[in-house]
Amino acid sequence: MSRLLPAAFLVVALALAGCVTDSRPDASACAADSVELELTLTANALDPSDPAVCRGQRVTMVVHAETDGVIHLHGYDEQVDATPVSAGEETTLEFTAATSGQFPIELHAADDPRGVEVGIFTVHEP
């Protein structure tokens, strides 16, 4: 039985490794000075939910809102103010991705100031 445990662990590890994808942009994507992200915002989701850029890029997020509220990018508070969005309207957020990491994107609806996490913004090292 003790010899089977390492083999079972290896099988599980290989199976899990197949489920993990590397979302890192390719080198040509990081070479661009700027990137524009088209996002659709609903009351409880962002599509795509995982926008990603590379550190140092100038970012333009074009948010197509299907609900009213305030969108907030945690960790980028100094570069991007919490911004009101309105259903049926397009809102543009522009900033430089100065800090790498993962940053929650929240929607604060008018009737629920606590906010709902709708996505994760990832800034990769180039």
C-alpha atoms as a PDB file:
ATOM      1  CA  MET A   1       0.000   0.000   0.000  1.00  0.00           C
ATOM      2  CA  SER A   2       2.815   2.433   0.843  1.00  0.00           C
ATOM      3  CA  ARG A   3       4.228   2.032  -2.693  1.00  0.00           C
ATOM      4  CA  LEU A   4       0.860   2.895  -4.228  1.00  0.00           C
ATOM      5  CA  LEU A   5       0.565   6.220  -2.419  1.00  0.00           C
ATOM      6  CA  PRO A   6       3.361   8.014  -4.373  1.00  0.00           C
ATOM      7  CA  ALA A   7       1.977   6.655  -7.666  1.00  0.00           C
ATOM      8  CA  ALA A   8      -1.548   7.793  -6.786  1.00  0.00           C
ATOM      9  CA  PHE A   9      -0.226  11.229  -5.852  1.00  0.00           C
ATOM     10  CA  LEU A  10       1.587  11.496  -9.195  1.00  0.00           C
ATOM     11  CA  VAL A  11      -1.572  10.569 -11.130  1.00  0.00           C
ATOM     12  CA  VAL A  12      -3.627  13.176  -9.257  1.00  0.00           C
ATOM     13  CA  ALA A  13      -0.935  15.838  -9.725  1.00  0.00           C
ATOM     14  CA  LEU A  14      -0.746  15.187 -13.477  1.00  0.00           C
ATOM     15  CA  ALA A  15      -4.526  15.276 -13.808  1.00  0.00           C
ATOM     16  CA  LEU A  16      -4.711  18.609 -11.976  1.00  0.00           C
ATOM     17  CA  ALA A  17      -1.865  20.061 -14.015  1.00  0.00           C
ATOM     18  CA  GLY A  18      -3.899  19.391 -17.144  1.00  0.00           C
ATOM     19  CA  CYS A  19      -6.701  21.561 -15.735  1.00  0.00           C
ATOM     20  CA  VAL A  20      -4.520  24.596 -15.107  1.00  0.00           C
ATOM     21  CA  THR A  21      -3.951  26.970 -18.006  1.00  0.00           C
ATOM     22  CA  ASP A  22      -1.325  29.650 -18.309  1.00  0.00           C
ATOM     23  CA  SER A  23      -3.178  32.891 -18.963  1.00  0.00           C
ATOM     24  CA  ARG A  24       0.039  34.853 -19.434  1.00  0.00           C
ATOM     25  CA  PRO A  25      -0.100  36.895 -22.641  1.00  0.00           C
ATOM     26  CA  ASP A  26       2.446  36.025 -25.305  1.00  0.00           C
ATOM     27  CA  ALA A  27       5.511  38.226 -25.805  1.00  0.00           C
ATOM     28  CA  SER A  28       3.968  40.143 -28.715  1.00  0.00           C
ATOM     29  CA  ALA A  29       0.983  41.141 -26.547  1.00  0.00           C
ATOM     30  CA  CYS A  30       3.329  42.509 -23.888  1.00  0.00           C
ATOM     31  CA  ALA A  31       5.313  44.404 -26.520  1.00  0.00           C
ATOM     32  CA  ALA A  32       2.328  46.643 -27.329  1.00  0.00           C
ATOM     33  CA  ASP A  33       2.427  50.049 -25.644  1.00  0.00           C
ATOM     34  CA  SER A  34      -1.327  50.061 -25.113  1.00  0.00           C
ATOM     35  CA  VAL A  35      -4.257  47.690 -24.991  1.00  0.00           C
ATOM     36  CA  GLU A  36      -8.008  48.185 -25.292  1.00  0.00           C
ATOM     37  CA  LEU A  37     -10.318  45.826 -23.415  1.00  0.00           C
ATOM     38  CA  GLU A  38     -14.015  45.526 -24.359  1.00  0.00           C
ATOM     39  CA  LEU A  39     -16.039  44.443 -21.311  1.00  0.00           C
ATOM     40  CA  THR A  40     -19.745  43.799 -20.764  1.00  0.00           C
ATOM     41  CA  LEU A  41     -21.031  44.437 -17.245  1.00  0.00           C
ATOM     42  CA  THR A  42     -24.224  42.930 -15.841  1.00  0.00           C
ATOM     43  CA  ALA A  43     -25.605  43.111 -12.301  1.00  0.00           C
ATOM     44  CA  ASN A  44     -23.469  40.165 -11.189  1.00  0.00           C
ATOM     45  CA  ALA A  45     -20.856  39.442 -13.878  1.00  0.00           C
ATOM     46  CA  LEU A  46     -18.240  40.878 -16.183  1.00  0.00           C
ATOM     47  CA  ASP A  47     -17.544  39.377 -19.619  1.00  0.00           C
ATOM     48  CA  PRO A  48     -14.780  38.499 -19.960  1.00  0.00           C
ATOM     49  CA  SER A  49     -14.369  38.074 -16.205  1.00  0.00           C
ATOM     50  CA  ASP A  50     -10.576  37.921 -16.338  1.00  0.00           C
ATOM     51  CA  PRO A  51      -9.166  40.821 -18.369  1.00  0.00           C
ATOM     52  CA  ALA A  52      -5.364  40.799 -18.450  1.00  0.00           C
ATOM     53  CA  VAL A  53      -2.571  43.134 -19.548  1.00  0.00           C
ATOM     54  CA  CYS A  54       1.146  43.543 -18.952  1.00  0.00           C
ATOM     55  CA  ARG A  55       2.772  45.925 -16.498  1.00  0.00           C
ATOM     56  CA  GLY A  56       3.662  49.222 -18.137  1.00  0.00           C
ATOM     57  CA  GLN A  57       0.912  49.131 -20.752  1.00  0.00           C
ATOM     58  CA  ARG A  58      -1.554  51.986 -21.198  1.00  0.00           C
ATOM     59  CA  VAL A  59      -4.982  50.408 -20.613  1.00  0.00           C
ATOM     60  CA  THR A  60      -8.314  51.495 -22.027  1.00  0.00           C
ATOM     61  CA  MET A  61     -11.263  49.567 -20.559  1.00  0.00           C
ATOM     62  CA  VAL A  62     -14.460  50.110 -22.511  1.00  0.00           C
ATOM     63  CA  VAL A  63     -17.316  48.988 -20.258  1.00  0.00           C
ATOM     64  CA  HIS A  64     -20.686  48.276 -21.870  1.00  0.00           C
ATOM     65  CA  ALA A  65     -23.053  48.405 -18.891  1.00  0.00           C
ATOM     66  CA  GLU A  66     -26.305  46.500 -18.721  1.00  0.00           C
ATOM     67  CA  THR A  67     -27.002  47.785 -15.201  1.00  0.00           C
ATOM     68  CA  ASP A  68     -26.631  50.938 -13.109  1.00  0.00           C
ATOM     69  CA  GLY A  69     -24.035  51.255 -10.370  1.00  0.00           C
ATOM     70  CA  VAL A  70     -20.426  52.152  -9.647  1.00  0.00           C
ATOM     71  CA  ILE A  71     -17.515  50.055 -10.948  1.00  0.00           C
ATOM     72  CA  HIS A  72     -14.405  49.894  -8.767  1.00  0.00           C
ATOM     73  CA  LEU A  73     -10.976  48.420  -9.537  1.00  0.00           C
ATOM     74  CA  HIS A  74      -9.404  47.537  -6.180  1.00  0.00           C
ATOM     75  CA  GLY A  75      -5.686  48.191  -5.915  1.00  0.00           C
ATOM     76  CA  TYR A  76      -5.765  50.840  -8.641  1.00  0.00           C
ATOM     77  CA  ASP A  77      -7.656  53.414  -6.578  1.00  0.00           C
ATOM     78  CA  GLU A  78      -5.065  56.140  -7.216  1.00  0.00           C
ATOM     79  CA  GLN A  79      -5.161  55.710 -11.009  1.00  0.00           C
ATOM     80  CA  VAL A  80      -8.852  54.847 -11.511  1.00  0.00           C
ATOM     81  CA  ASP A  81     -11.605  56.478  -9.501  1.00  0.00           C
ATOM     82  CA  ALA A  82     -14.717  54.490  -8.650  1.00  0.00           C
ATOM     83  CA  THR A  83     -16.779  55.265 -11.745  1.00  0.00           C
ATOM     84  CA  PRO A  84     -20.567  55.441 -12.187  1.00  0.00           C
ATOM     85  CA  VAL A  85     -22.015  53.289 -14.987  1.00  0.00           C
ATOM     86  CA  SER A  86     -25.508  53.372 -16.470  1.00  0.00           C
ATOM     87  CA  ALA A  87     -27.456  50.648 -18.267  1.00  0.00           C
ATOM     88  CA  GLY A  88     -27.225  51.027 -22.032  1.00  0.00           C
ATOM     89  CA  GLU A  89     -24.210  53.317 -21.888  1.00  0.00           C
ATOM     90  CA  GLU A  90     -20.515  52.882 -22.579  1.00  0.00           C
ATOM     91  CA  THR A  91     -17.970  54.025 -19.984  1.00  0.00           C
ATOM     92  CA  THR A  92     -14.242  54.306 -20.679  1.00  0.00           C
ATOM     93  CA  LEU A  93     -11.564  53.879 -18.007  1.00  0.00           C
ATOM     94  CA  GLU A  94      -7.992  54.833 -18.953  1.00  0.00           C
ATOM     95  CA  PHE A  95      -4.854  54.265 -16.883  1.00  0.00           C
ATOM     96  CA  THR A  96      -1.365  52.787 -16.927  1.00  0.00           C
ATOM     97  CA  ALA A  97      -0.931  49.279 -15.515  1.00  0.00           C
ATOM     98  CA  ALA A  98       1.801  50.233 -13.072  1.00  0.00           C
ATOM     99  CA  THR A  99       1.481  47.399 -10.549  1.00  0.00           C
ATOM    100  CA  SER A 100       1.529  43.681 -11.349  1.00  0.00           C
ATOM    101  CA  GLY A 101      -0.796  41.242  -9.619  1.00  0.00           C
ATOM    102  CA  GLN A 102      -4.476  40.391  -9.501  1.00  0.00           C
ATOM    103  CA  PHE A 103      -7.058  43.019  -8.612  1.00  0.00           C
ATOM    104  CA  PRO A 104     -10.774  42.454  -7.898  1.00  0.00           C
ATOM    105  CA  ILE A 105     -13.282  44.360 -10.000  1.00  0.00           C
ATOM    106  CA  GLU A 106     -16.431  45.211  -8.052  1.00  0.00           C
ATOM    107  CA  LEU A 107     -19.815  46.573  -8.974  1.00  0.00           C
ATOM    108  CA  HIS A 108     -21.565  48.635  -6.338  1.00  0.00           C
ATOM    109  CA  ALA A 109     -25.252  48.755  -7.246  1.00  0.00           C
ATOM    110  CA  ALA A 110     -27.304  51.712  -6.061  1.00  0.00           C
ATOM    111  CA  ASP A 111     -29.438  49.418  -3.895  1.00  0.00           C
ATOM    112  CA  ASP A 112     -26.473  47.443  -2.465  1.00  0.00           C
ATOM    113  CA  PRO A 113     -23.443  49.574  -1.510  1.00  0.00           C
ATOM    114  CA  ARG A 114     -21.517  46.486  -0.294  1.00  0.00           C
ATOM    115  CA  GLY A 115     -20.601  45.548  -3.856  1.00  0.00           C
ATOM    116  CA  VAL A 116     -20.351  42.337  -5.840  1.00  0.00           C
ATOM    117  CA  GLU A 117     -17.067  41.019  -7.234  1.00  0.00           C
ATOM    118  CA  VAL A 118     -17.654  40.659 -10.970  1.00  0.00           C
ATOM    119  CA  GLY A 119     -14.128  39.900 -12.189  1.00  0.00           C
ATOM    120  CA  ILE A 120     -10.387  39.850 -11.622  1.00  0.00           C
ATOM    121  CA  PHE A 121      -8.022  42.206 -13.473  1.00  0.00           C
ATOM    122  CA  THR A 122      -4.582  40.651 -13.926  1.00  0.00           C
ATOM    123  CA  VAL A 123      -1.405  42.607 -14.655  1.00  0.00           C
ATOM    124  CA  HIS A 124       1.452  40.327 -15.738  1.00  0.00           C
ATOM    125  CA  GLU A 125       5.153  41.070 -15.622  1.00  0.00           C
ATOM    126  CA  PRO A 126       6.363  41.621 -19.205  1.00  0.00           C
END
